Every structure is written in C-alpha cells, then in structure tokens.
Amino acid sequence: MAMSNMSLRSLTVDSMTSAMFHFILAMLFASAAVALLNSAGWVNKRPTCDASGEYGLCAALQDLRVIVSFTLGVVTCKVLEPSSNRDSDSDCKGNIYACLLW
C-alpha cells in the first residue's frame, strides 16, 4: 500500500510543467492542422518576392505582415488572459520559463 501511495506522489506535476505541456500540445495540433490543410490544397501559396538582391516593396510588405501578425497574436493573448493573471508580473523576475510563456 505504501508503494502505490509513493508512486502517486511522484506523478504530480507543478503548474509550470503543465503549462509547458499544454503549449507543446497546442503547437503540435496547430502544425498537424496546417499540414492537413496544406495536403488538401486549402492553404493558399503566397507568391514569393524576386530574389534580385534588392529589398523592394514586396519584401517590405512581407515583413510588415509578419510584424502585424505577431502584434495581433500578442494582443489576442493579453485580451484572453484571465484577469487574475494580469496583475502577477512579478512571476518573471526569477523564472525564465514564465517570461517565455508570457
């Protein structure tokens, strides 16, 4: 009986490990969904810019699209974050993983 109780205690995980696990699962499911949509032909292939060595309007628009996409992702995450987590900015002071998942 003591052995089964001991094994259950060793299986508990902290909240950071759980958050990292959920983050990795979300990335895996998202990549699988994109791969499935790509293989079905539903993902539009964007035209690439000319590789003439110049930084033209096409490359600038691609960079702008990346910056806007990143900014919208950050804003979405901050809006959907529970209000109880918004006031706890002190978590980043000693824990690098909490800062990366911010």
PDB file of N, CA and C in Angstrom:
ATOM      1  N   MET A   1       0.815  -1.187   0.000  1.00  0.00           N
ATOM      2  CA  MET A   1       0.000   0.000   0.000  1.00  0.00           C
ATOM      3  C   MET A   1       0.865   1.261   0.000  1.00  0.00           C
ATOM      4  N   ALA A   2       1.969   1.213   0.712  1.00  0.00           N
ATOM      5  CA  ALA A   2       2.846   2.381   0.781  1.00  0.00           C
ATOM      6  C   ALA A   2       3.513   2.633  -0.564  1.00  0.00           C
ATOM      7  N   MET A   3       3.750   1.580  -1.329  1.00  0.00           N
ATOM      8  CA  MET A   3       4.393   1.743  -2.634  1.00  0.00           C
ATOM      9  C   MET A   3       3.477   2.459  -3.620  1.00  0.00           C
ATOM     10  N   SER A   4       2.179   2.149  -3.637  1.00  0.00           N
ATOM     11  CA  SER A   4       1.265   2.805  -4.563  1.00  0.00           C
ATOM     12  C   SER A   4       1.062   4.275  -4.188  1.00  0.00           C
ATOM     13  N   ASN A   5       1.057   4.574  -2.893  1.00  0.00           N
ATOM     14  CA  ASN A   5       0.939   5.960  -2.447  1.00  0.00           C
ATOM     15  C   ASN A   5       2.184   6.752  -2.843  1.00  0.00           C
ATOM     16  N   MET A   6       3.344   6.122  -2.768  1.00  0.00           N
ATOM     17  CA  MET A   6       4.597   6.773  -3.141  1.00  0.00           C
ATOM     18  C   MET A   6       4.630   7.068  -4.641  1.00  0.00           C
ATOM     19  N   SER A   7       4.140   6.147  -5.467  1.00  0.00           N
ATOM     20  CA  SER A   7       4.160   6.364  -6.905  1.00  0.00           C
ATOM     21  C   SER A   7       3.185   7.457  -7.320  1.00  0.00           C
ATOM     22  N   LEU A   8       2.079   7.618  -6.614  1.00  0.00           N
ATOM     23  CA  LEU A   8       1.141   8.689  -6.929  1.00  0.00           C
ATOM     24  C   LEU A   8       1.731  10.056  -6.591  1.00  0.00           C
ATOM     25  N   ARG A   9       2.501  10.137  -5.542  1.00  0.00           N
ATOM     26  CA  ARG A   9       3.124  11.404  -5.190  1.00  0.00           C
ATOM     27  C   ARG A   9       4.160  11.821  -6.219  1.00  0.00           C
ATOM     28  N   SER A  10       4.837  10.877  -6.810  1.00  0.00           N
ATOM     29  CA  SER A  10       5.870  11.214  -7.782  1.00  0.00           C
ATOM     30  C   SER A  10       5.273  11.604  -9.135  1.00  0.00           C
ATOM     31  N   LEU A  11       3.990  11.349  -9.352  1.00  0.00           N
ATOM     32  CA  LEU A  11       3.354  11.679 -10.613  1.00  0.00           C
ATOM     33  C   LEU A  11       2.742  13.079 -10.635  1.00  0.00           C
ATOM     34  N   THR A  12       2.734  13.775  -9.540  1.00  0.00           N
ATOM     35  CA  THR A  12       2.162  15.112  -9.535  1.00  0.00           C
ATOM     36  C   THR A  12       3.104  16.073 -10.254  1.00  0.00           C
ATOM     37  N   VAL A  13       2.513  17.006 -10.981  1.00  0.00           N
ATOM     38  CA  VAL A  13       3.297  17.989 -11.719  1.00  0.00           C
ATOM     39  C   VAL A  13       2.905  19.381 -11.263  1.00  0.00           C
ATOM     40  N   ASP A  14       3.848  20.287 -11.356  1.00  0.00           N
ATOM     41  CA  ASP A  14       3.540  21.657 -10.974  1.00  0.00           C
ATOM     42  C   ASP A  14       2.856  22.378 -12.128  1.00  0.00           C
ATOM     43  N   SER A  15       2.415  23.589 -11.886  1.00  0.00           N
ATOM     44  CA  SER A  15       1.654  24.325 -12.894  1.00  0.00           C
ATOM     45  C   SER A  15       2.520  24.727 -14.086  1.00  0.00           C
ATOM     46  N   MET A  16       3.804  24.975 -13.870  1.00  0.00           N
ATOM     47  CA  MET A  16       4.683  25.349 -14.974  1.00  0.00           C
ATOM     48  C   MET A  16       4.874  24.180 -15.935  1.00  0.00           C
ATOM     49  N   THR A  17       5.065  22.993 -15.411  1.00  0.00           N
ATOM     50  CA  THR A  17       5.199  21.810 -16.265  1.00  0.00           C
ATOM     51  C   THR A  17       3.921  21.567 -17.044  1.00  0.00           C
ATOM     52  N   SER A  18       2.792  21.758 -16.391  1.00  0.00           N
ATOM     53  CA  SER A  18       1.508  21.591 -17.064  1.00  0.00           C
ATOM     54  C   SER A  18       1.327  22.624 -18.170  1.00  0.00           C
ATOM     55  N   ALA A  19       1.718  23.869 -17.923  1.00  0.00           N
ATOM     56  CA  ALA A  19       1.597  24.914 -18.939  1.00  0.00           C
ATOM     57  C   ALA A  19       2.514  24.630 -20.123  1.00  0.00           C
ATOM     58  N   MET A  20       3.731  24.180 -19.853  1.00  0.00           N
ATOM     59  CA  MET A  20       4.658  23.849 -20.942  1.00  0.00           C
ATOM     60  C   MET A  20       4.112  22.682 -21.768  1.00  0.00           C
ATOM     61  N   PHE A  21       3.527  21.699 -21.099  1.00  0.00           N
ATOM     62  CA  PHE A  21       2.952  20.552 -21.798  1.00  0.00           C
ATOM     63  C   PHE A  21       1.790  20.993 -22.684  1.00  0.00           C
ATOM     64  N   HIS A  22       0.931  21.865 -22.177  1.00  0.00           N
ATOM     65  CA  HIS A  22      -0.189  22.361 -22.975  1.00  0.00           C
ATOM     66  C   HIS A  22       0.298  23.195 -24.159  1.00  0.00           C
ATOM     67  N   PHE A  23       1.347  23.971 -23.947  1.00  0.00           N
ATOM     68  CA  PHE A  23       1.940  24.769 -25.014  1.00  0.00           C
ATOM     69  C   PHE A  23       2.472  23.873 -26.130  1.00  0.00           C
ATOM     70  N   ILE A  24       3.172  22.818 -25.776  1.00  0.00           N
ATOM     71  CA  ILE A  24       3.729  21.896 -26.770  1.00  0.00           C
ATOM     72  C   ILE A  24       2.608  21.161 -27.502  1.00  0.00           C
ATOM     73  N   LEU A  25       1.577  20.744 -26.776  1.00  0.00           N
ATOM     74  CA  LEU A  25       0.445  20.077 -27.426  1.00  0.00           C
ATOM     75  C   LEU A  25      -0.265  21.011 -28.395  1.00  0.00           C
ATOM     76  N   ALA A  26      -0.428  22.268 -28.017  1.00  0.00           N
ATOM     77  CA  ALA A  26      -1.074  23.234 -28.909  1.00  0.00           C
ATOM     78  C   ALA A  26      -0.255  23.431 -30.178  1.00  0.00           C
ATOM     79  N   MET A  27       1.066  23.490 -30.041  1.00  0.00           N
ATOM     80  CA  MET A  27       1.919  23.630 -31.223  1.00  0.00           C
ATOM     81  C   MET A  27       1.820  22.401 -32.115  1.00  0.00           C
ATOM     82  N   LEU A  28       1.788  21.222 -31.523  1.00  0.00           N
ATOM     83  CA  LEU A  28       1.679  20.001 -32.316  1.00  0.00           C
ATOM     84  C   LEU A  28       0.353  19.929 -33.062  1.00  0.00           C
ATOM     85  N   PHE A  29      -0.746  20.254 -32.383  1.00  0.00           N
ATOM     86  CA  PHE A  29      -2.049  20.223 -33.044  1.00  0.00           C
ATOM     87  C   PHE A  29      -2.151  21.278 -34.141  1.00  0.00           C
ATOM     88  N   ALA A  30      -1.600  22.459 -33.897  1.00  0.00           N
ATOM     89  CA  ALA A  30      -1.634  23.510 -34.921  1.00  0.00           C
ATOM     90  C   ALA A  30      -0.812  23.112 -36.138  1.00  0.00           C
ATOM     91  N   SER A  31       0.364  22.531 -35.918  1.00  0.00           N
ATOM     92  CA  SER A  31       1.182  22.122 -37.062  1.00  0.00           C
ATOM     93  C   SER A  31       0.533  20.969 -37.822  1.00  0.00           C
ATOM     94  N   ALA A  32      -0.126  20.075 -37.104  1.00  0.00           N
ATOM     95  CA  ALA A  32      -0.830  18.986 -37.782  1.00  0.00           C
ATOM     96  C   ALA A  32      -1.998  19.522 -38.606  1.00  0.00           C
ATOM     97  N   ALA A  33      -2.705  20.513 -38.075  1.00  0.00           N
ATOM     98  CA  ALA A  33      -3.821  21.099 -38.812  1.00  0.00           C
ATOM     99  C   ALA A  33      -3.333  21.815 -40.069  1.00  0.00           C
ATOM    100  N   VAL A  34      -2.236  22.557 -39.956  1.00  0.00           N
ATOM    101  CA  VAL A  34      -1.693  23.247 -41.131  1.00  0.00           C
ATOM    102  C   VAL A  34      -1.204  22.241 -42.162  1.00  0.00           C
ATOM    103  N   ALA A  35      -0.553  21.182 -41.716  1.00  0.00           N
ATOM    104  CA  ALA A  35      -0.084  20.153 -42.648  1.00  0.00           C
ATOM    105  C   ALA A  35      -1.259  19.469 -43.352  1.00  0.00           C
ATOM    106  N   LEU A  36      -2.327  19.216 -42.617  1.00  0.00           N
ATOM    107  CA  LEU A  36      -3.511  18.594 -43.209  1.00  0.00           C
ATOM    108  C   LEU A  36      -4.173  19.519 -44.223  1.00  0.00           C
ATOM    109  N   LEU A  37      -4.298  20.791 -43.877  1.00  0.00           N
ATOM    110  CA  LEU A  37      -4.885  21.759 -44.810  1.00  0.00           C
ATOM    111  C   LEU A  37      -3.996  21.951 -46.037  1.00  0.00           C
ATOM    112  N   ASN A  38      -2.704  21.932 -45.836  1.00  0.00           N
ATOM    113  CA  ASN A  38      -1.776  22.074 -46.952  1.00  0.00           C
ATOM    114  C   ASN A  38      -1.859  20.877 -47.896  1.00  0.00           C
ATOM    115  N   SER A  39      -1.941  19.682 -47.333  1.00  0.00           N
ATOM    116  CA  SER A  39      -2.027  18.490 -48.188  1.00  0.00           C
ATOM    117  C   SER A  39      -3.358  18.414 -48.925  1.00  0.00           C
ATOM    118  N   ALA A  40      -4.406  19.016 -48.342  1.00  0.00           N
ATOM    119  CA  ALA A  40      -5.706  19.043 -49.006  1.00  0.00           C
ATOM    120  C   ALA A  40      -5.793  20.149 -50.050  1.00  0.00           C
ATOM    121  N   GLY A  41      -4.796  21.038 -50.064  1.00  0.00           N
ATOM    122  CA  GLY A  41      -4.785  22.112 -51.042  1.00  0.00           C
ATOM    123  C   GLY A  41      -5.601  23.324 -50.631  1.00  0.00           C
ATOM    124  N   TRP A  42      -5.963  23.431 -49.363  1.00  0.00           N
ATOM    125  CA  TRP A  42      -6.778  24.548 -48.905  1.00  0.00           C
ATOM    126  C   TRP A  42      -5.958  25.740 -48.457  1.00  0.00           C
ATOM    127  N   VAL A  43      -4.682  25.552 -48.282  1.00  0.00           N
ATOM    128  CA  VAL A  43      -3.816  26.651 -47.863  1.00  0.00           C
ATOM    129  C   VAL A  43      -3.286  27.326 -49.120  1.00  0.00           C
ATOM    130  N   ASN A  44      -3.507  28.628 -49.217  1.00  0.00           N
ATOM    131  CA  ASN A  44      -3.053  29.357 -50.399  1.00  0.00           C
ATOM    132  C   ASN A  44      -1.549  29.551 -50.357  1.00  0.00           C
ATOM    133  N   LYS A  45      -0.917  29.296 -51.448  1.00  0.00           N
ATOM    134  CA  LYS A  45       0.511  29.558 -51.570  1.00  0.00           C
ATOM    135  C   LYS A  45       0.692  31.016 -51.943  1.00  0.00           C
ATOM    136  N   ARG A  46       1.399  31.750 -51.127  1.00  0.00           N
ATOM    137  CA  ARG A  46       1.651  33.160 -51.411  1.00  0.00           C
ATOM    138  C   ARG A  46       2.814  33.266 -52.383  1.00  0.00           C
ATOM    139  N   PRO A  47       2.721  34.188 -53.308  1.00  0.00           N
ATOM    140  CA  PRO A  47       3.836  34.349 -54.234  1.00  0.00           C
ATOM    141  C   PRO A  47       5.061  34.895 -53.501  1.00  0.00           C
ATOM    142  N   THR A  48       6.213  34.412 -53.893  1.00  0.00           N
ATOM    143  CA  THR A  48       7.444  34.883 -53.275  1.00  0.00           C
ATOM    144  C   THR A  48       7.972  36.082 -54.042  1.00  0.00           C
ATOM    145  N   CYS A  49       8.772  36.864 -53.364  1.00  0.00           N
ATOM    146  CA  CYS A  49       9.366  38.041 -53.985  1.00  0.00           C
ATOM    147  C   CYS A  49      10.552  37.617 -54.848  1.00  0.00           C
ATOM    148  N   ASP A  50      10.892  38.486 -55.777  1.00  0.00           N
ATOM    149  CA  ASP A  50      12.053  38.222 -56.623  1.00  0.00           C
ATOM    150  C   ASP A  50      13.322  38.234 -55.774  1.00  0.00           C
ATOM    151  N   ALA A  51      14.206  37.322 -56.078  1.00  0.00           N
ATOM    152  CA  ALA A  51      15.464  37.232 -55.338  1.00  0.00           C
ATOM    153  C   ALA A  51      16.562  37.996 -56.078  1.00  0.00           C
ATOM    154  N   SER A  52      16.284  39.238 -56.410  1.00  0.00           N
ATOM    155  CA  SER A  52      17.247  40.025 -57.171  1.00  0.00           C
ATOM    156  C   SER A  52      18.301  40.671 -56.284  1.00  0.00           C
ATOM    157  N   GLY A  53      18.192  40.508 -54.980  1.00  0.00           N
ATOM    158  CA  GLY A  53      19.162  41.083 -54.073  1.00  0.00           C
ATOM    159  C   GLY A  53      18.737  42.416 -53.519  1.00  0.00           C
ATOM    160  N   GLU A  54      17.675  42.996 -54.038  1.00  0.00           N
ATOM    161  CA  GLU A  54      17.179  44.269 -53.546  1.00  0.00           C
ATOM    162  C   GLU A  54      16.079  44.040 -52.522  1.00  0.00           C
ATOM    163  N   TYR A  55      15.957  45.002 -51.628  1.00  0.00           N
ATOM    164  CA  TYR A  55      14.866  44.980 -50.656  1.00  0.00           C
ATOM    165  C   TYR A  55      13.777  45.899 -51.192  1.00  0.00           C
ATOM    166  N   GLY A  56      12.815  45.287 -51.855  1.00  0.00           N
ATOM    167  CA  GLY A  56      11.779  46.070 -52.521  1.00  0.00           C
ATOM    168  C   GLY A  56      10.491  46.126 -51.741  1.00  0.00           C
ATOM    169  N   LEU A  57       9.470  46.581 -52.405  1.00  0.00           N
ATOM    170  CA  LEU A  57       8.153  46.736 -51.794  1.00  0.00           C
ATOM    171  C   LEU A  57       7.559  45.386 -51.388  1.00  0.00           C
ATOM    172  N   CYS A  58       7.773  44.372 -52.195  1.00  0.00           N
ATOM    173  CA  CYS A  58       7.226  43.047 -51.888  1.00  0.00           C
ATOM    174  C   CYS A  58       7.807  42.504 -50.582  1.00  0.00           C
ATOM    175  N   ALA A  59       9.119  42.611 -50.413  1.00  0.00           N
ATOM    176  CA  ALA A  59       9.756  42.133 -49.183  1.00  0.00           C
ATOM    177  C   ALA A  59       9.329  42.971 -47.985  1.00  0.00           C
ATOM    178  N   ALA A  60       9.169  44.279 -48.179  1.00  0.00           N
ATOM    179  CA  ALA A  60       8.724  45.145 -47.090  1.00  0.00           C
ATOM    180  C   ALA A  60       7.309  44.785 -46.656  1.00  0.00           C
ATOM    181  N   LEU A  61       6.443  44.477 -47.612  1.00  0.00           N
ATOM    182  CA  LEU A  61       5.076  44.078 -47.269  1.00  0.00           C
ATOM    183  C   LEU A  61       5.048  42.742 -46.537  1.00  0.00           C
ATOM    184  N   GLN A  62       5.926  41.826 -46.914  1.00  0.00           N
ATOM    185  CA  GLN A  62       6.011  40.554 -46.191  1.00  0.00           C
ATOM    186  C   GLN A  62       6.463  40.783 -44.752  1.00  0.00           C
ATOM    187  N   ASP A  63       7.447  41.645 -44.564  1.00  0.00           N
ATOM    188  CA  ASP A  63       7.907  41.947 -43.209  1.00  0.00           C
ATOM    189  C   ASP A  63       6.821  42.632 -42.395  1.00  0.00           C
ATOM    190  N   LEU A  64       6.099  43.539 -43.023  1.00  0.00           N
ATOM    191  CA  LEU A  64       5.002  44.220 -42.338  1.00  0.00           C
ATOM    192  C   LEU A  64       3.912  43.230 -41.932  1.00  0.00           C
ATOM    193  N   ARG A  65       3.629  42.281 -42.811  1.00  0.00           N
ATOM    194  CA  ARG A  65       2.633  41.266 -42.497  1.00  0.00           C
ATOM    195  C   ARG A  65       3.064  40.418 -41.302  1.00  0.00           C
ATOM    196  N   VAL A  66       4.346  40.095 -41.201  1.00  0.00           N
ATOM    197  CA  VAL A  66       4.849  39.319 -40.067  1.00  0.00           C
ATOM    198  C   VAL A  66       4.726  40.123 -38.773  1.00  0.00           C
ATOM    199  N   ILE A  67       5.079  41.394 -38.814  1.00  0.00           N
ATOM    200  CA  ILE A  67       5.005  42.239 -37.617  1.00  0.00           C
ATOM    201  C   ILE A  67       3.558  42.403 -37.167  1.00  0.00           C
ATOM    202  N   VAL A  68       2.653  42.626 -38.104  1.00  0.00           N
ATOM    203  CA  VAL A  68       1.235  42.774 -37.754  1.00  0.00           C
ATOM    204  C   VAL A  68       0.682  41.471 -37.191  1.00  0.00           C
ATOM    205  N   SER A  69       1.054  40.353 -37.768  1.00  0.00           N
ATOM    206  CA  SER A  69       0.592  39.057 -37.270  1.00  0.00           C
ATOM    207  C   SER A  69       1.087  38.806 -35.853  1.00  0.00           C
ATOM    208  N   PHE A  70       2.355  39.109 -35.595  1.00  0.00           N
ATOM    209  CA  PHE A  70       2.905  38.927 -34.253  1.00  0.00           C
ATOM    210  C   PHE A  70       2.202  39.835 -33.250  1.00  0.00           C
ATOM    211  N   THR A  71       1.983  41.087 -33.630  1.00  0.00           N
ATOM    212  CA  THR A  71       1.319  42.036 -32.736  1.00  0.00           C
ATOM    213  C   THR A  71      -0.108  41.603 -32.433  1.00  0.00           C
ATOM    214  N   LEU A  72      -0.828  41.136 -33.436  1.00  0.00           N
ATOM    215  CA  LEU A  72      -2.189  40.646 -33.200  1.00  0.00           C
ATOM    216  C   LEU A  72      -2.190  39.416 -32.289  1.00  0.00           C
ATOM    217  N   GLY A  73      -1.200  38.564 -32.422  1.00  0.00           N
ATOM    218  CA  GLY A  73      -1.091  37.407 -31.534  1.00  0.00           C
ATOM    219  C   GLY A  73      -0.855  37.806 -30.093  1.00  0.00           C
ATOM    220  N   VAL A  74       0.022  38.788 -29.887  1.00  0.00           N
ATOM    221  CA  VAL A  74       0.290  39.267 -28.528  1.00  0.00           C
ATOM    222  C   VAL A  74      -0.952  39.913 -27.928  1.00  0.00           C
ATOM    223  N   VAL A  75      -1.624  40.746 -28.708  1.00  0.00           N
ATOM    224  CA  VAL A  75      -2.828  41.416 -28.212  1.00  0.00           C
ATOM    225  C   VAL A  75      -3.916  40.393 -27.902  1.00  0.00           C
ATOM    226  N   THR A  76      -4.079  39.403 -28.755  1.00  0.00           N
ATOM    227  CA  THR A  76      -5.079  38.357 -28.510  1.00  0.00           C
ATOM    228  C   THR A  76      -4.783  37.601 -27.224  1.00  0.00           C
ATOM    229  N   CYS A  77      -3.516  37.252 -27.015  1.00  0.00           N
ATOM    230  CA  CYS A  77      -3.154  36.530 -25.792  1.00  0.00           C
ATOM    231  C   CYS A  77      -3.398  37.376 -24.549  1.00  0.00           C
ATOM    232  N   LYS A  78      -3.081  38.665 -24.617  1.00  0.00           N
ATOM    233  CA  LYS A  78      -3.283  39.527 -23.455  1.00  0.00           C
ATOM    234  C   LYS A  78      -4.772  39.757 -23.184  1.00  0.00           C
ATOM    235  N   VAL A  79      -5.585  39.837 -24.228  1.00  0.00           N
ATOM    236  CA  VAL A  79      -7.020  40.046 -24.037  1.00  0.00           C
ATOM    237  C   VAL A  79      -7.670  38.783 -23.469  1.00  0.00           C
ATOM    238  N   LEU A  80      -7.249  37.624 -23.931  1.00  0.00           N
ATOM    239  CA  LEU A  80      -7.859  36.374 -23.480  1.00  0.00           C
ATOM    240  C   LEU A  80      -7.289  35.858 -22.169  1.00  0.00           C
ATOM    241  N   GLU A  81      -6.231  36.490 -21.662  1.00  0.00           N
ATOM    242  CA  GLU A  81      -5.631  36.069 -20.401  1.00  0.00           C
ATOM    243  C   GLU A  81      -6.584  36.383 -19.261  1.00  0.00           C
ATOM    244  N   PRO A  82      -6.751  35.459 -18.318  1.00  0.00           N
ATOM    245  CA  PRO A  82      -7.638  35.742 -17.182  1.00  0.00           C
ATOM    246  C   PRO A  82      -7.156  36.965 -16.401  1.00  0.00           C
ATOM    247  N   SER A  83      -8.095  37.718 -15.856  1.00  0.00           N
ATOM    248  CA  SER A  83      -7.730  38.953 -15.158  1.00  0.00           C
ATOM    249  C   SER A  83      -6.905  38.682 -13.911  1.00  0.00           C
ATOM    250  N   SER A  84      -7.010  37.506 -13.324  1.00  0.00           N
ATOM    251  CA  SER A  84      -6.214  37.194 -12.130  1.00  0.00           C
ATOM    252  C   SER A  84      -4.733  37.062 -12.471  1.00  0.00           C
ATOM    253  N   ASN A  85      -4.398  36.728 -13.717  1.00  0.00           N
ATOM    254  CA  ASN A  85      -3.002  36.587 -14.115  1.00  0.00           C
ATOM    255  C   ASN A  85      -2.387  37.899 -14.569  1.00  0.00           C
ATOM    256  N   ARG A  86      -3.175  38.906 -14.855  1.00  0.00           N
ATOM    257  CA  ARG A  86      -2.644  40.162 -15.389  1.00  0.00           C
ATOM    258  C   ARG A  86      -1.846  40.945 -14.360  1.00  0.00           C
ATOM    259  N   ASP A  87      -2.194  40.798 -13.095  1.00  0.00           N
ATOM    260  CA  ASP A  87      -1.527  41.569 -12.057  1.00  0.00           C
ATOM    261  C   ASP A  87      -0.269  40.889 -11.535  1.00  0.00           C
ATOM    262  N   SER A  88       0.049  39.718 -12.007  1.00  0.00           N
ATOM    263  CA  SER A  88       1.177  38.971 -11.465  1.00  0.00           C
ATOM    264  C   SER A  88       2.390  39.073 -12.378  1.00  0.00           C
ATOM    265  N   ASP A  89       2.858  40.288 -12.629  1.00  0.00           N
ATOM    266  CA  ASP A  89       4.059  40.476 -13.434  1.00  0.00           C
ATOM    267  C   ASP A  89       5.320  40.106 -12.677  1.00  0.00           C
ATOM    268  N   SER A  90       5.221  39.910 -11.375  1.00  0.00           N
ATOM    269  CA  SER A  90       6.398  39.560 -10.588  1.00  0.00           C
ATOM    270  C   SER A  90       6.848  38.131 -10.849  1.00  0.00           C
ATOM    271  N   ASP A  91       6.054  37.320 -11.548  1.00  0.00           N
ATOM    272  CA  ASP A  91       6.440  35.944 -11.848  1.00  0.00           C
ATOM    273  C   ASP A  91       7.670  35.893 -12.733  1.00  0.00           C
ATOM    274  N   CYS A  92       7.890  36.897 -13.550  1.00  0.00           N
ATOM    275  CA  CYS A  92       9.006  36.902 -14.487  1.00  0.00           C
ATOM    276  C   CYS A  92      10.339  37.199 -13.828  1.00  0.00           C
ATOM    277  N   LYS A  93      10.351  37.673 -12.611  1.00  0.00           N
ATOM    278  CA  LYS A  93      11.595  38.116 -12.002  1.00  0.00           C
ATOM    279  C   LYS A  93      12.573  36.979 -11.781  1.00  0.00           C
ATOM    280  N   GLY A  94      12.123  35.813 -11.391  1.00  0.00           N
ATOM    281  CA  GLY A  94      13.055  34.740 -11.091  1.00  0.00           C
ATOM    282  C   GLY A  94      12.900  33.513 -11.953  1.00  0.00           C
ATOM    283  N   ASN A  95      11.920  33.489 -12.836  1.00  0.00           N
ATOM    284  CA  ASN A  95      11.632  32.281 -13.580  1.00  0.00           C
ATOM    285  C   ASN A  95      11.640  32.597 -15.071  1.00  0.00           C
ATOM    286  N   ILE A  96      12.657  32.133 -15.766  1.00  0.00           N
ATOM    287  CA  ILE A  96      12.795  32.424 -17.193  1.00  0.00           C
ATOM    288  C   ILE A  96      11.691  31.755 -18.009  1.00  0.00           C
ATOM    289  N   TYR A  97      11.218  30.601 -17.588  1.00  0.00           N
ATOM    290  CA  TYR A  97      10.170  29.914 -18.343  1.00  0.00           C
ATOM    291  C   TYR A  97       8.862  30.686 -18.291  1.00  0.00           C
ATOM    292  N   ALA A  98       8.568  31.316 -17.158  1.00  0.00           N
ATOM    293  CA  ALA A  98       7.353  32.120 -17.056  1.00  0.00           C
ATOM    294  C   ALA A  98       7.432  33.320 -17.989  1.00  0.00           C
ATOM    295  N   CYS A  99       8.611  33.882 -18.159  1.00  0.00           N
ATOM    296  CA  CYS A  99       8.777  35.013 -19.063  1.00  0.00           C
ATOM    297  C   CYS A  99       8.618  34.585 -20.521  1.00  0.00           C
ATOM    298  N   LEU A 100       9.114  33.403 -20.861  1.00  0.00           N
ATOM    299  CA  LEU A 100       8.996  32.922 -22.236  1.00  0.00           C
ATOM    300  C   LEU A 100       7.562  32.603 -22.599  1.00  0.00           C
ATOM    301  N   LEU A 101       6.778  32.157 -21.649  1.00  0.00           N
ATOM    302  CA  LEU A 101       5.377  31.813 -21.901  1.00  0.00           C
ATOM    303  C   LEU A 101       4.451  32.994 -21.683  1.00  0.00           C
ATOM    304  N   TRP A 102       4.973  34.147 -21.322  1.00  0.00           N
ATOM    305  CA  TRP A 102       4.170  35.325 -21.075  1.00  0.00           C
ATOM    306  C   TRP A 102       3.348  35.617 -22.276  1.00  0.00           C
TER     307      TRP A 102
END
